Amino acid sequence: MPHTQPLLRTALRSVILLTLSMGSAMGQRAPADASTLDAAAIAARTYARWVDSRGNILLPKEFATDWTHLGSWAVLEKDQVKDLHGVYAPKEELQYFRSNGRFPDGAVLVKEVRHARGSTHTTGQAFWAEDVAVWFVMIKDEKGRFPGNPIWGDGWGWGLFKGADPARQAATDYKKDCMGCHTPVKDKDWLYAYAYPVLGPAAIAQAPAKPAVSAAKPGAPTSGAAVFERCVSCHSLTPDKHGIGPSLAGVAGRKAGSSSGFAYSAAMKNSAVVWGRETLDRHLRDVKGFIPGNNMAYMFAAGVQQEQERAALIEYLLSK
């Protein structure tokens, strides 16, 4: 009898291990595609928390503390840093991009734009972020959930929240209020992913080629056509072919805000300005101040500050 107890214990352990292994095998299922599960969870979360049934977008409150900072931009105006832009996304979306080379349905990105302040430090002229000017929110929509809603289109929902009123979504038309800055990357899902190296090689590979070194000698005349390349994401020179901005064909002698078929801001429509050499110069030199409240001041506040470039651009426009 004394020898039977160890044998019983050994047999009992064998039965338990066999039972556990059989249970594990019976309960095991072929693993589903992890990226599909992740994408479905991301979309469910996003459309439950930050989008209501009519497509109204809410500003996520926790992005700055709980999400991943993808990267930052510094925007210059008259050789000073005007704004600092920080871009954030939930960590699981970063991981999805790194695995799949794109953002999933339901991805949400927040860009926080803060005014910048600068002074001289031991390292030289330095700038830091101060108060919030605006937040932009982009929500990926691969299913076209809100047809006819003017803040949804081109695969995304586009939200705009002003720093002074974060509870109110201020965008009324994504093509006018949000899209202008993204036009150069319309073939890259409307995102400058290459500016966020944390997204991995697929994002970095999207970076534009470095500009070729110009063979022109210092002081050589500036080409107005070359300067206009900065404008083509919003303007065309084809009559009545409007984009984010109105067509500039025949702009010479035309009253501001009068080109048919384009939805101008009230400030531009109510202006008495007639476009000519002097008025174009004043406008391009001071986009915000010359016609206060115009939409271009929001998208291209820097204007054209280099005098030679501005003069060349004006002559080019007046010839069209």
Protein backbone atom coordinates (compact mmCIF):
# COMPACT_ATOMS: atom_id res chain seq x y z
CA MET A 1 0.00 0.00 0.00
CA PRO A 2 2.72 2.58 0.76
CA HIS A 3 3.95 2.27 -2.82
CA THR A 4 0.50 2.81 -4.38
CA GLN A 5 0.12 6.48 -3.31
CA PRO A 6 2.98 7.78 -5.51
CA LEU A 7 1.56 5.78 -8.39
CA LEU A 8 -1.92 7.24 -7.82
CA ARG A 9 -0.51 10.75 -7.68
CA THR A 10 1.40 10.20 -10.93
CA ALA A 11 -1.71 8.82 -12.64
CA LEU A 12 -3.83 11.71 -11.40
CA ARG A 13 -1.34 14.29 -12.74
CA SER A 14 -1.38 12.54 -16.11
CA VAL A 15 -5.18 12.64 -16.25
CA ILE A 16 -5.21 16.35 -15.33
CA LEU A 17 -2.58 17.23 -17.93
CA LEU A 18 -4.41 15.21 -20.60
CA THR A 19 -7.70 16.88 -19.74
CA LEU A 20 -6.14 20.35 -19.92
CA SER A 21 -4.47 19.66 -23.21
CA MET A 22 -7.68 18.25 -24.70
CA GLY A 23 -9.63 21.25 -23.47
CA SER A 24 -7.08 23.60 -24.92
CA ALA A 25 -7.17 21.81 -28.26
CA MET A 26 -10.97 21.71 -28.33
CA GLY A 27 -11.24 25.41 -27.49
CA GLN A 28 -8.58 26.53 -29.92
CA ARG A 29 -9.65 28.33 -33.09
CA ALA A 30 -7.68 29.33 -36.14
CA PRO A 31 -6.42 32.85 -35.43
CA ALA A 32 -8.23 35.60 -37.35
CA ASP A 33 -6.33 38.25 -39.26
CA ALA A 34 -5.02 40.50 -36.47
CA SER A 35 -5.00 43.60 -38.68
CA THR A 36 -8.68 43.04 -39.54
CA LEU A 37 -9.60 42.69 -35.87
CA ASP A 38 -7.61 45.78 -34.97
CA ALA A 39 -9.19 47.84 -37.78
CA ALA A 40 -12.69 46.82 -36.78
CA ALA A 41 -12.02 47.73 -33.15
CA ILE A 42 -10.51 51.07 -34.13
CA ALA A 43 -13.51 52.01 -36.27
CA ALA A 44 -16.01 50.94 -33.60
CA ARG A 45 -14.20 52.98 -30.96
CA THR A 46 -13.88 56.10 -33.11
CA TYR A 47 -17.45 56.26 -34.35
CA ALA A 48 -18.81 55.61 -30.87
CA ARG A 49 -16.71 58.22 -29.08
CA TRP A 50 -15.94 61.07 -31.47
CA VAL A 51 -18.66 61.03 -34.16
CA ASP A 52 -22.39 61.18 -33.62
CA SER A 53 -25.10 59.61 -35.79
CA ARG A 54 -25.33 62.72 -38.01
CA GLY A 55 -21.59 62.95 -38.62
CA ASN A 56 -20.82 65.72 -36.16
CA ILE A 57 -17.20 65.44 -35.02
CA LEU A 58 -16.08 65.95 -31.43
CA LEU A 59 -12.62 67.07 -30.34
CA PRO A 60 -10.89 64.27 -28.39
CA LYS A 61 -9.87 65.65 -25.01
CA GLU A 62 -7.14 63.20 -24.04
CA PHE A 63 -4.95 63.27 -27.16
CA ALA A 64 -2.09 65.35 -25.69
CA THR A 65 -1.61 63.09 -22.65
CA ASP A 66 -2.75 59.63 -23.76
CA TRP A 67 -1.94 59.42 -27.47
CA THR A 68 1.33 59.17 -29.39
CA HIS A 69 2.94 62.35 -30.68
CA LEU A 70 3.67 61.60 -34.34
CA GLY A 71 5.65 64.75 -35.13
CA SER A 72 5.69 68.54 -35.35
CA TRP A 73 5.83 71.33 -37.89
CA ALA A 74 7.19 74.86 -37.56
CA VAL A 75 5.54 77.41 -39.85
CA LEU A 76 7.52 80.52 -40.78
CA GLU A 77 6.19 83.99 -41.42
CA LYS A 78 8.61 86.78 -42.25
CA ASP A 79 11.59 84.71 -41.06
CA GLN A 80 10.00 84.04 -37.68
CA VAL A 81 8.25 80.92 -36.45
CA LYS A 82 4.58 81.85 -36.45
CA ASP A 83 2.97 78.57 -35.38
CA LEU A 84 3.99 75.20 -34.02
CA HIS A 85 1.89 72.25 -35.15
CA GLY A 86 1.86 69.00 -33.15
CA VAL A 87 0.19 65.89 -34.62
CA TYR A 88 -1.18 63.04 -32.47
CA ALA A 89 -2.82 59.64 -32.98
CA PRO A 90 -3.77 56.72 -30.71
CA LYS A 91 -0.95 54.21 -30.31
CA GLU A 92 -2.87 51.35 -31.92
CA GLU A 93 -3.22 53.38 -35.12
CA LEU A 94 0.51 54.00 -35.20
CA GLN A 95 1.06 50.25 -34.84
CA TYR A 96 -1.47 49.53 -37.58
CA PHE A 97 0.29 51.92 -39.95
CA ARG A 98 3.66 50.37 -39.22
CA SER A 99 2.23 46.93 -40.07
CA ASN A 100 0.09 47.89 -43.06
CA GLY A 101 1.60 51.07 -44.51
CA ARG A 102 -1.64 53.03 -44.15
CA PHE A 103 -4.15 54.17 -41.57
CA PRO A 104 -7.27 52.03 -41.03
CA ASP A 105 -10.91 52.94 -41.30
CA GLY A 106 -11.77 54.92 -38.18
CA ALA A 107 -8.27 56.29 -37.65
CA VAL A 108 -8.37 59.65 -35.91
CA LEU A 109 -5.60 62.25 -36.03
CA VAL A 110 -5.46 65.56 -34.20
CA LYS A 111 -3.26 68.48 -35.19
CA GLU A 112 -2.88 71.10 -32.49
CA VAL A 113 -1.74 74.50 -33.77
CA ARG A 114 -0.26 76.78 -31.13
CA HIS A 115 1.05 80.29 -31.54
CA ALA A 116 4.81 80.48 -31.17
CA ARG A 117 6.93 82.89 -29.20
CA GLY A 118 10.66 83.34 -29.57
CA SER A 119 13.65 84.95 -27.93
CA THR A 120 17.42 84.65 -27.87
CA HIS A 121 18.79 81.76 -25.84
CA THR A 122 22.28 80.36 -25.40
CA THR A 123 21.58 78.13 -28.40
CA GLY A 124 20.49 81.09 -30.52
CA GLN A 125 17.03 82.25 -31.53
CA ALA A 126 14.56 79.72 -30.08
CA PHE A 127 10.76 79.39 -30.25
CA TRP A 128 8.24 77.62 -28.06
CA ALA A 129 4.50 76.98 -28.08
CA GLU A 130 2.00 79.20 -26.29
CA ASP A 131 -1.80 79.40 -26.59
CA VAL A 132 -3.83 77.21 -28.96
CA ALA A 133 -4.92 78.81 -32.22
CA VAL A 134 -6.86 75.88 -33.63
CA TRP A 135 -7.26 72.11 -33.63
CA PHE A 136 -7.79 70.06 -36.77
CA VAL A 137 -9.31 66.58 -36.55
CA MET A 138 -9.23 64.03 -39.38
CA ILE A 139 -11.22 60.79 -39.16
CA LYS A 140 -10.74 58.04 -41.72
CA ASP A 141 -13.96 56.97 -43.44
CA GLU A 142 -13.59 54.15 -45.96
CA LYS A 143 -17.33 53.44 -46.09
CA GLY A 144 -18.75 56.84 -47.03
CA ARG A 145 -20.88 56.94 -43.91
CA PHE A 146 -22.20 60.48 -44.25
CA PRO A 147 -23.06 61.27 -47.89
CA GLY A 148 -24.09 64.87 -48.36
CA ASN A 149 -22.49 66.00 -45.11
CA PRO A 150 -20.21 68.93 -46.08
CA ILE A 151 -17.46 68.04 -43.59
CA TRP A 152 -17.09 64.48 -44.89
CA GLY A 153 -15.51 63.54 -48.19
CA ASP A 154 -12.45 62.20 -50.01
CA GLY A 155 -12.23 59.37 -47.52
CA TRP A 156 -12.11 61.48 -44.37
CA GLY A 157 -14.12 63.50 -41.91
CA TRP A 158 -12.61 66.95 -41.42
CA GLY A 159 -13.11 68.83 -38.15
CA LEU A 160 -11.96 72.31 -37.15
CA PHE A 161 -12.06 73.69 -33.61
CA LYS A 162 -10.88 77.17 -32.65
CA GLY A 163 -8.76 77.62 -29.58
CA ALA A 164 -11.25 79.99 -27.97
CA ASP A 165 -14.18 77.58 -28.42
CA PRO A 166 -13.06 73.93 -28.37
CA ALA A 167 -16.60 72.61 -27.88
CA ARG A 168 -17.87 73.90 -31.23
CA GLN A 169 -16.95 72.30 -34.54
CA ALA A 170 -16.32 75.32 -36.79
CA ALA A 171 -15.82 73.78 -40.23
CA THR A 172 -18.78 74.16 -42.58
CA ASP A 173 -17.28 72.85 -45.82
CA TYR A 174 -14.20 70.65 -45.73
CA LYS A 175 -13.10 71.72 -49.21
CA LYS A 176 -12.96 75.38 -48.16
CA ASP A 177 -12.07 75.13 -44.48
CA CYS A 178 -9.70 72.18 -44.22
CA MET A 179 -8.53 70.73 -47.49
CA GLY A 180 -6.35 73.45 -48.97
CA CYS A 181 -3.20 72.56 -47.08
CA HIS A 182 -3.58 68.89 -48.00
CA THR A 183 -3.96 69.24 -51.77
CA PRO A 184 -0.24 68.59 -52.49
CA VAL A 185 -0.62 65.10 -50.94
CA LYS A 186 -4.01 64.16 -52.39
CA ASP A 187 -2.40 61.06 -53.94
CA LYS A 188 -1.01 60.04 -50.53
CA ASP A 189 -4.35 59.71 -48.73
CA TRP A 190 -4.30 63.48 -48.05
CA LEU A 191 -1.60 63.08 -45.39
CA TYR A 192 1.99 64.25 -44.99
CA ALA A 193 2.89 60.91 -43.43
CA TYR A 194 6.55 61.31 -44.38
CA ALA A 195 6.90 64.02 -41.72
CA TYR A 196 6.23 61.43 -39.01
CA PRO A 197 9.18 58.99 -38.99
CA VAL A 198 7.69 57.12 -36.03
CA LEU A 199 5.22 55.64 -38.56
CA GLY A 200 8.07 53.68 -40.08
CA PRO A 201 9.66 53.13 -43.50
CA ALA A 202 6.40 53.17 -45.48
CA ALA A 203 5.76 56.74 -44.33
CA ILE A 204 9.33 57.95 -44.80
CA ALA A 205 9.34 56.56 -48.35
CA GLN A 206 6.60 59.04 -49.28
CA ALA A 207 8.88 62.05 -48.81
CA PRO A 208 9.23 64.24 -51.91
CA ALA A 209 12.53 64.30 -53.72
CA LYS A 210 14.95 66.94 -52.57
CA PRO A 211 14.85 69.95 -54.91
CA ALA A 212 17.61 70.08 -57.46
CA VAL A 213 20.27 72.72 -56.90
CA SER A 214 19.48 75.67 -59.14
CA ALA A 215 22.06 76.57 -61.75
CA ALA A 216 20.90 80.18 -61.76
CA LYS A 217 23.40 82.73 -60.57
CA PRO A 218 22.66 84.90 -57.54
CA GLY A 219 20.65 87.92 -58.58
CA ALA A 220 19.30 86.24 -61.72
CA PRO A 221 15.70 87.19 -62.61
CA THR A 222 13.02 85.17 -60.80
CA SER A 223 10.49 83.33 -62.94
CA GLY A 224 6.90 84.25 -62.19
CA ALA A 225 5.82 80.83 -63.44
CA ALA A 226 8.17 79.19 -60.93
CA VAL A 227 6.76 81.26 -58.06
CA PHE A 228 3.22 80.41 -59.19
CA GLU A 229 3.99 76.72 -58.54
CA ARG A 230 3.37 77.54 -54.87
CA CYS A 231 -0.16 78.58 -55.80
CA VAL A 232 -1.32 75.70 -58.01
CA SER A 233 -2.64 73.59 -55.15
CA CYS A 234 -5.42 76.18 -54.78
CA HIS A 235 -5.55 78.24 -58.01
CA SER A 236 -5.61 77.56 -61.72
CA LEU A 237 -5.05 79.82 -64.73
CA THR A 238 -7.88 78.21 -66.70
CA PRO A 239 -11.02 80.36 -66.95
CA ASP A 240 -13.76 79.23 -64.54
CA LYS A 241 -11.70 76.28 -63.31
CA HIS A 242 -11.94 76.93 -59.59
CA GLY A 243 -10.32 74.87 -56.87
CA ILE A 244 -9.74 75.65 -53.22
CA GLY A 245 -9.29 79.20 -54.51
CA PRO A 246 -10.77 80.91 -57.57
CA SER A 247 -9.29 80.77 -61.04
CA LEU A 248 -6.81 83.60 -61.56
CA ALA A 249 -7.28 83.73 -65.32
CA GLY A 250 -8.01 87.33 -66.33
CA VAL A 251 -7.45 88.63 -62.82
CA ALA A 252 -6.11 91.98 -64.06
CA GLY A 253 -8.79 94.64 -63.68
CA ARG A 254 -11.24 92.29 -61.99
CA LYS A 255 -13.05 93.28 -58.81
CA ALA A 256 -12.12 91.12 -55.84
CA GLY A 257 -14.70 88.43 -55.10
CA SER A 258 -16.46 88.67 -58.45
CA SER A 259 -15.40 85.60 -60.43
CA SER A 260 -18.58 83.66 -61.23
CA GLY A 261 -19.02 80.19 -59.82
CA PHE A 262 -16.73 80.54 -56.81
CA ALA A 263 -17.93 80.80 -53.18
CA TYR A 264 -15.93 83.73 -51.82
CA SER A 265 -15.74 84.84 -48.22
CA ALA A 266 -17.97 87.75 -47.27
CA ALA A 267 -14.84 89.84 -46.72
CA MET A 268 -13.68 89.33 -50.29
CA LYS A 269 -17.12 89.81 -51.86
CA ASN A 270 -17.73 93.03 -49.93
CA SER A 271 -14.34 94.47 -50.74
CA ALA A 272 -14.06 97.35 -53.21
CA VAL A 273 -10.59 96.20 -54.30
CA VAL A 274 -9.87 95.90 -58.02
CA TRP A 275 -6.90 93.70 -58.85
CA GLY A 276 -3.94 95.38 -60.46
CA ARG A 277 -0.22 95.67 -59.88
CA GLU A 278 -0.50 97.77 -56.72
CA THR A 279 -3.39 95.87 -55.10
CA LEU A 280 -1.87 92.47 -55.84
CA ASP A 281 1.39 93.65 -54.32
CA ARG A 282 -0.32 94.84 -51.16
CA HIS A 283 -2.37 91.66 -50.89
CA LEU A 284 0.55 89.27 -51.37
CA ARG A 285 2.69 91.27 -48.95
CA ASP A 286 0.00 91.38 -46.23
CA VAL A 287 -2.56 88.65 -46.87
CA LYS A 288 -4.18 89.05 -43.48
CA GLY A 289 -4.27 92.80 -43.28
CA PHE A 290 -5.09 94.02 -46.79
CA ILE A 291 -8.57 92.44 -46.89
CA PRO A 292 -9.19 91.35 -43.27
CA GLY A 293 -11.21 88.16 -42.89
CA ASN A 294 -10.47 86.67 -46.31
CA ASN A 295 -10.03 82.90 -46.53
CA MET A 296 -6.58 83.07 -48.09
CA ALA A 297 -5.30 84.66 -44.89
CA TYR A 298 -6.07 81.41 -43.15
CA MET A 299 -4.43 79.08 -45.68
CA PHE A 300 -1.55 81.18 -47.00
CA ALA A 301 -0.92 83.76 -44.31
CA ALA A 302 2.75 84.17 -45.16
CA GLY A 303 2.02 85.52 -48.63
CA VAL A 304 5.07 86.24 -50.79
CA GLN A 305 7.51 88.30 -48.78
CA GLN A 306 10.53 88.28 -51.07
CA GLU A 307 10.15 91.41 -53.20
CA GLN A 308 11.70 90.02 -56.38
CA GLU A 309 9.53 86.90 -56.24
CA ARG A 310 6.40 88.92 -55.57
CA ALA A 311 7.06 91.27 -58.49
CA ALA A 312 7.71 88.34 -60.84
CA LEU A 313 4.52 86.59 -59.75
CA ILE A 314 2.43 89.72 -60.23
CA GLU A 315 3.73 90.29 -63.76
CA TYR A 316 3.03 86.67 -64.56
CA LEU A 317 -0.57 86.88 -63.28
CA LEU A 318 -1.24 90.15 -65.09
CA SER A 319 -0.21 88.53 -68.36
CA LYS A 320 -2.77 85.74 -68.05
